[in-house]
Amino acid sequence: MNVLYACIICLLLLPFAVQGQSEVTRRVSAEEMGYRGRVETVQHTEFCMDSANRFFVTTAEAYNKQGLRTDMSIMDNIYQTNYHYEYDGNGQLVYYVASFSDGWKDSIVFFYDKNGCLLGYEEYGFSADPTEGNDVTDFLVTCDAQCRVLTCASVWEDTTWYVYDNQGRLLKKIQSWHTDKAETFDYNRHGRLERVRIGDKHYEDTHYRYDANHDTLEVWHTNWEHLAGETGEHEIGVHKYFHYTQYDDHGNWTHATVTVKQNSVKGTDKTYAYNIIRTFKYYE
């Protein structure tokens, strides 16, 4: 199990809608994360004591008074990744840097037009090994009239296309180097992400179900394959069930238990559980 990946995925379950521009610009708000109230900091710890699946991961986030994320760090055992975000007076993200435990840094500078639409960005890679040297890649971005990113193309001619619905939600993402792996997004009537499909004829789906508070209840995967004698969708990977036991005064859950069903050989499924603890600090 990739614990860091699992932690990030859990965080990504919170937004009400998938935004193509957020993916390109790295701009993230507390509202998009589904946090309630004027959040200043959040500490999110996931841990499992099961001997076969033991892990401990802590994620810390900080937001400014405008509700925009300014810093985030993810610590997985001895490894830590730090992220920093800087904005202009209009709340546009102008600088982003990710620092990794091995000394590598990923830094991005963003450029906008007079209307505040993203024109492009430059991404710098700084190696911890002075013999390897550094690198820079330029990206050109086109937007629609609402400043939603339509295309993002690198100097290496790698291009990503984005398609939205009338409410500005991302419907489709296509990458030039994986046109057969286009991602499509479906939403429930509350605007929450309900399904992500990767591929067309041969596809894999990730499904999401929520409770009355719009917090995640289940996450599971299906694909196009069927086992002999089976009908309907074939469940693959892991199936996660979320149970919330504590909330704070702002309505944010602070403790959850996640039960994971591991789908392996038919009839030999295994389950284990892990805990999530979240601590919030607010601007009052």
Protein backbone atom coordinates (compact mmCIF):
# COMPACT_ATOMS: atom_id res chain seq x y z
CA MET A 1 0.00 0.00 0.00
CA ASN A 2 1.31 3.43 -0.95
CA VAL A 3 0.52 5.29 2.26
CA LEU A 4 1.39 8.77 1.02
CA TYR A 5 -0.82 8.23 -2.01
CA ALA A 6 -3.65 6.99 0.21
CA CYS A 7 -3.36 10.08 2.41
CA ILE A 8 -3.49 12.45 -0.57
CA ILE A 9 -6.46 10.61 -2.06
CA CYS A 10 -8.34 10.95 1.23
CA LEU A 11 -7.75 14.71 1.13
CA LEU A 12 -8.89 14.89 -2.48
CA LEU A 13 -12.22 13.30 -1.63
CA LEU A 14 -13.34 16.51 0.05
CA PRO A 15 -13.86 18.99 -2.81
CA PHE A 16 -17.40 19.54 -4.09
CA ALA A 17 -16.24 19.68 -7.69
CA VAL A 18 -13.16 18.81 -9.66
CA GLN A 19 -11.71 21.98 -11.19
CA GLY A 20 -9.31 21.78 -14.13
CA GLN A 21 -7.87 25.16 -13.27
CA SER A 22 -7.09 24.10 -9.70
CA GLU A 23 -5.15 21.17 -11.07
CA VAL A 24 -3.06 23.40 -13.35
CA THR A 25 -2.53 26.34 -10.99
CA ARG A 26 -2.26 24.39 -7.71
CA ARG A 27 -4.57 27.02 -6.17
CA VAL A 28 -6.61 25.35 -3.39
CA SER A 29 -9.16 26.91 -1.05
CA ALA A 30 -10.57 25.67 2.25
CA GLU A 31 -14.05 25.82 0.68
CA GLU A 32 -12.98 23.57 -2.17
CA MET A 33 -11.59 21.14 0.39
CA GLY A 34 -15.02 20.97 2.02
CA TYR A 35 -13.89 22.58 5.30
CA ARG A 36 -16.52 24.51 7.21
CA GLY A 37 -15.83 27.82 8.95
CA ARG A 38 -12.86 30.19 8.57
CA VAL A 39 -10.14 27.57 8.83
CA GLU A 40 -6.62 28.73 9.73
CA THR A 41 -4.87 25.35 10.11
CA VAL A 42 -5.74 21.67 9.80
CA GLN A 43 -3.73 18.70 11.03
CA HIS A 44 -4.79 15.39 9.53
CA THR A 45 -3.31 12.14 10.88
CA GLU A 46 -3.98 8.67 9.50
CA PHE A 47 -2.70 5.61 11.35
CA CYS A 48 -3.19 1.88 11.27
CA MET A 49 -2.10 -0.60 13.94
CA ASP A 50 -2.84 -3.72 11.89
CA SER A 51 0.44 -5.63 11.72
CA ALA A 52 0.13 -6.34 8.00
CA ASN A 53 -0.88 -2.79 7.06
CA ARG A 54 0.77 -0.57 9.68
CA PHE A 55 1.33 3.10 8.75
CA PHE A 56 1.35 6.60 10.26
CA VAL A 57 0.96 9.69 8.05
CA THR A 58 0.43 13.31 9.15
CA THR A 59 -0.62 16.15 6.86
CA ALA A 60 -0.61 19.77 8.06
CA GLU A 61 -2.26 22.61 6.12
CA ALA A 62 -2.37 26.38 6.63
CA TYR A 63 -4.82 28.86 5.05
CA ASN A 64 -4.82 32.65 4.91
CA LYS A 65 -7.79 34.82 5.92
CA GLN A 66 -9.06 34.72 2.32
CA GLY A 67 -9.37 30.94 2.64
CA LEU A 68 -6.45 30.07 0.34
CA ARG A 69 -3.92 27.40 1.20
CA THR A 70 -0.49 28.88 1.95
CA ASP A 71 1.44 25.85 3.22
CA MET A 72 1.13 22.09 3.43
CA SER A 73 3.44 19.35 4.66
CA ILE A 74 3.04 15.58 4.46
CA MET A 75 5.13 13.36 6.73
CA ASP A 76 5.22 9.63 6.05
CA ASN A 77 7.52 7.97 8.59
CA ILE A 78 10.95 9.53 7.89
CA TYR A 79 9.91 11.21 4.63
CA GLN A 80 8.48 14.70 4.47
CA THR A 81 7.27 16.83 1.57
CA ASN A 82 6.61 20.57 2.04
CA TYR A 83 4.50 22.81 -0.20
CA HIS A 84 4.37 26.62 -0.18
CA TYR A 85 1.96 28.93 -2.06
CA GLU A 86 2.15 32.70 -2.65
CA TYR A 87 -0.60 34.95 -4.08
CA ASP A 88 -0.98 38.42 -5.54
CA GLY A 89 -3.47 41.05 -4.32
CA ASN A 90 -6.21 39.47 -6.44
CA GLY A 91 -5.81 36.04 -4.89
CA GLN A 92 -4.08 34.59 -7.94
CA LEU A 93 -1.39 32.00 -7.20
CA VAL A 94 1.89 33.43 -8.50
CA TYR A 95 4.47 31.12 -6.94
CA TYR A 96 4.48 27.50 -5.79
CA VAL A 97 7.28 25.31 -4.50
CA ALA A 98 7.44 21.67 -3.39
CA SER A 99 10.45 20.52 -1.36
CA PHE A 100 11.19 16.80 -0.99
CA SER A 101 13.16 14.86 1.61
CA ASP A 102 15.84 13.91 -0.91
CA GLY A 103 16.65 17.61 -1.49
CA TRP A 104 14.84 17.90 -4.82
CA LYS A 105 12.65 21.00 -5.34
CA ASP A 106 9.85 21.67 -7.82
CA SER A 107 9.16 25.40 -8.26
CA ILE A 108 6.53 27.09 -10.46
CA VAL A 109 6.00 30.74 -11.46
CA PHE A 110 2.59 31.64 -12.96
CA PHE A 111 1.70 34.40 -15.45
CA TYR A 112 -1.75 35.99 -16.02
CA ASP A 113 -3.36 38.35 -18.54
CA LYS A 114 -5.06 41.63 -17.65
CA ASN A 115 -8.34 39.81 -16.99
CA GLY A 116 -6.75 37.46 -14.47
CA CYS A 117 -6.79 34.43 -16.78
CA LEU A 118 -3.76 32.16 -16.66
CA LEU A 119 -1.46 32.59 -19.67
CA GLY A 120 1.16 30.04 -18.73
CA TYR A 121 3.80 29.05 -16.21
CA GLU A 122 7.42 28.05 -15.89
CA GLU A 123 8.32 24.95 -13.86
CA TYR A 124 11.83 24.65 -12.44
CA GLY A 125 13.32 21.42 -11.17
CA PHE A 126 16.23 21.79 -8.74
CA SER A 127 18.28 18.67 -8.14
CA ALA A 128 19.95 17.85 -4.83
CA ASP A 129 22.85 16.41 -6.80
CA PRO A 130 24.97 19.24 -8.26
CA THR A 131 26.27 16.89 -10.97
CA GLU A 132 22.77 16.38 -12.37
CA GLY A 133 21.97 20.05 -13.01
CA ASN A 134 18.59 21.75 -12.97
CA ASP A 135 15.85 22.01 -15.58
CA VAL A 136 13.03 24.34 -16.65
CA THR A 137 9.89 23.64 -18.66
CA ASP A 138 7.55 26.27 -20.13
CA PHE A 139 3.79 25.69 -20.33
CA LEU A 140 1.29 27.63 -22.46
CA VAL A 141 -2.29 27.79 -21.20
CA THR A 142 -5.51 28.82 -22.96
CA CYS A 143 -8.69 29.70 -21.03
CA ASP A 144 -12.35 30.32 -21.77
CA ALA A 145 -14.21 33.56 -20.99
CA GLN A 146 -14.61 32.45 -17.35
CA CYS A 147 -10.83 31.89 -17.04
CA ARG A 148 -11.27 28.12 -16.88
CA VAL A 149 -8.28 26.29 -18.32
CA LEU A 150 -9.07 24.68 -21.68
CA THR A 151 -5.60 23.52 -22.75
CA CYS A 152 -2.22 23.23 -21.08
CA ALA A 153 0.72 22.50 -23.40
CA SER A 154 4.42 22.14 -22.61
CA VAL A 155 7.32 23.04 -24.88
CA TRP A 156 7.69 19.29 -25.45
CA GLU A 157 4.25 19.34 -27.13
CA ASP A 158 2.59 17.36 -24.33
CA THR A 159 -0.95 18.76 -24.18
CA THR A 160 -3.86 18.31 -21.77
CA TRP A 161 -7.41 19.33 -22.74
CA TYR A 162 -10.24 20.12 -20.28
CA VAL A 163 -14.03 20.16 -20.89
CA TYR A 164 -16.60 21.66 -18.45
CA ASP A 165 -20.34 21.67 -17.95
CA ASN A 166 -22.50 24.80 -17.69
CA GLN A 167 -21.81 24.98 -13.94
CA GLY A 168 -18.05 25.05 -14.43
CA ARG A 169 -17.44 21.50 -13.27
CA LEU A 170 -14.82 19.43 -15.03
CA LEU A 171 -16.42 16.83 -17.30
CA LYS A 172 -13.44 15.44 -19.20
CA LYS A 173 -9.65 15.51 -19.17
CA ILE A 174 -7.64 14.23 -22.14
CA GLN A 175 -3.85 13.92 -22.29
CA SER A 176 -2.11 13.79 -25.66
CA TRP A 177 0.23 11.00 -24.53
CA HIS A 178 -2.71 8.87 -23.27
CA THR A 179 -5.70 9.63 -25.51
CA ASP A 180 -7.04 6.13 -24.79
CA LYS A 181 -7.01 6.95 -21.05
CA ALA A 182 -9.28 10.00 -21.06
CA GLU A 183 -10.81 10.79 -17.66
CA THR A 184 -14.53 11.57 -17.38
CA PHE A 185 -16.22 12.96 -14.26
CA ASP A 186 -19.81 12.51 -13.03
CA TYR A 187 -21.49 14.37 -10.16
CA ASN A 188 -24.49 13.79 -7.92
CA ARG A 189 -27.35 16.25 -7.55
CA HIS A 190 -25.47 18.06 -4.76
CA GLY A 191 -22.44 18.70 -6.99
CA ARG A 192 -20.24 16.11 -5.29
CA LEU A 193 -17.96 13.94 -7.37
CA GLU A 194 -19.74 10.61 -7.88
CA ARG A 195 -17.59 8.75 -10.40
CA VAL A 196 -14.28 9.10 -12.23
CA ARG A 197 -13.80 6.90 -15.28
CA ILE A 198 -10.39 6.34 -16.86
CA GLY A 199 -10.54 4.91 -20.37
CA ASP A 200 -13.40 4.14 -22.72
CA LYS A 201 -14.01 0.57 -23.88
CA HIS A 202 -11.46 -0.72 -21.40
CA TYR A 203 -12.09 1.46 -18.37
CA GLU A 204 -11.62 1.65 -14.62
CA ASP A 205 -14.10 3.55 -12.46
CA THR A 206 -13.64 5.09 -9.02
CA HIS A 207 -16.95 5.58 -7.20
CA TYR A 208 -17.79 7.90 -4.29
CA ARG A 209 -20.82 7.93 -1.98
CA TYR A 210 -21.61 10.55 0.69
CA ASP A 211 -23.71 11.02 3.81
CA ALA A 212 -26.23 13.79 4.53
CA ASN A 213 -23.36 16.12 5.55
CA HIS A 214 -21.68 15.52 2.17
CA ASP A 215 -18.80 13.72 3.88
CA THR A 216 -17.42 10.61 2.18
CA LEU A 217 -19.07 7.30 3.11
CA GLU A 218 -17.59 4.89 0.58
CA VAL A 219 -14.90 4.72 -2.10
CA TRP A 220 -14.58 1.71 -4.39
CA HIS A 221 -13.37 0.68 -7.85
CA THR A 222 -14.86 -1.25 -10.75
CA ASN A 223 -13.62 -2.04 -14.26
CA TRP A 224 -14.75 -3.45 -17.61
CA GLU A 225 -13.58 -6.97 -16.96
CA HIS A 226 -15.85 -9.76 -15.78
CA LEU A 227 -14.96 -13.02 -14.15
CA ALA A 228 -16.40 -16.25 -15.54
CA GLY A 229 -20.09 -16.53 -14.68
CA GLU A 230 -20.35 -12.99 -13.26
CA THR A 231 -22.62 -10.25 -14.52
CA GLY A 232 -22.53 -6.54 -13.81
CA GLU A 233 -19.54 -4.49 -12.82
CA HIS A 234 -16.46 -6.21 -11.44
CA GLU A 235 -15.13 -4.70 -8.21
CA ILE A 236 -11.33 -4.40 -8.01
CA GLY A 237 -8.71 -3.06 -5.63
CA VAL A 238 -9.91 -1.89 -2.22
CA HIS A 239 -13.31 -0.79 -0.95
CA LYS A 240 -13.25 1.84 1.81
CA TYR A 241 -16.08 2.50 4.27
CA PHE A 242 -15.91 5.71 6.38
CA HIS A 243 -17.55 6.06 9.81
CA TYR A 244 -17.46 9.46 11.56
CA THR A 245 -17.65 9.51 15.35
CA GLN A 246 -16.74 13.09 16.37
CA TYR A 247 -17.37 16.62 15.03
CA ASP A 248 -16.29 20.07 16.22
CA ASP A 249 -18.49 23.14 16.77
CA HIS A 250 -18.07 24.22 13.13
CA GLY A 251 -19.41 20.94 11.78
CA ASN A 252 -16.07 19.51 10.63
CA TRP A 253 -15.54 15.86 11.52
CA THR A 254 -12.54 15.28 13.78
CA HIS A 255 -12.41 11.49 14.07
CA ALA A 256 -13.18 8.76 11.56
CA THR A 257 -12.68 5.03 11.31
CA VAL A 258 -12.08 3.62 7.84
CA THR A 259 -12.71 -0.06 7.14
CA VAL A 260 -10.86 -1.36 4.10
CA LYS A 261 -11.88 -4.47 2.21
CA GLN A 262 -9.02 -5.79 0.09
CA ASN A 263 -10.29 -7.56 -3.01
CA SER A 264 -7.90 -10.34 -3.89
CA VAL A 265 -8.63 -13.86 -5.08
CA LYS A 266 -12.37 -14.46 -5.00
CA GLY A 267 -13.43 -15.80 -1.62
CA THR A 268 -10.27 -14.68 0.17
CA ASP A 269 -11.03 -10.97 0.69
CA LYS A 270 -9.32 -9.46 3.73
CA THR A 271 -10.32 -6.45 5.81
CA TYR A 272 -8.53 -4.09 8.16
CA ALA A 273 -9.28 -0.69 9.71
CA TYR A 274 -7.42 2.57 10.25
CA ASN A 275 -8.19 5.83 12.04
CA ILE A 276 -8.15 9.46 10.95
CA ILE A 277 -7.87 12.32 13.45
CA ARG A 278 -8.29 15.94 12.32
CA THR A 279 -7.58 19.02 14.43
CA PHE A 280 -8.77 22.47 13.29
CA LYS A 281 -7.81 26.00 14.26
CA TYR A 282 -10.05 28.86 13.09
CA TYR A 283 -9.91 32.59 12.44
CA GLU A 284 -12.43 34.03 14.90
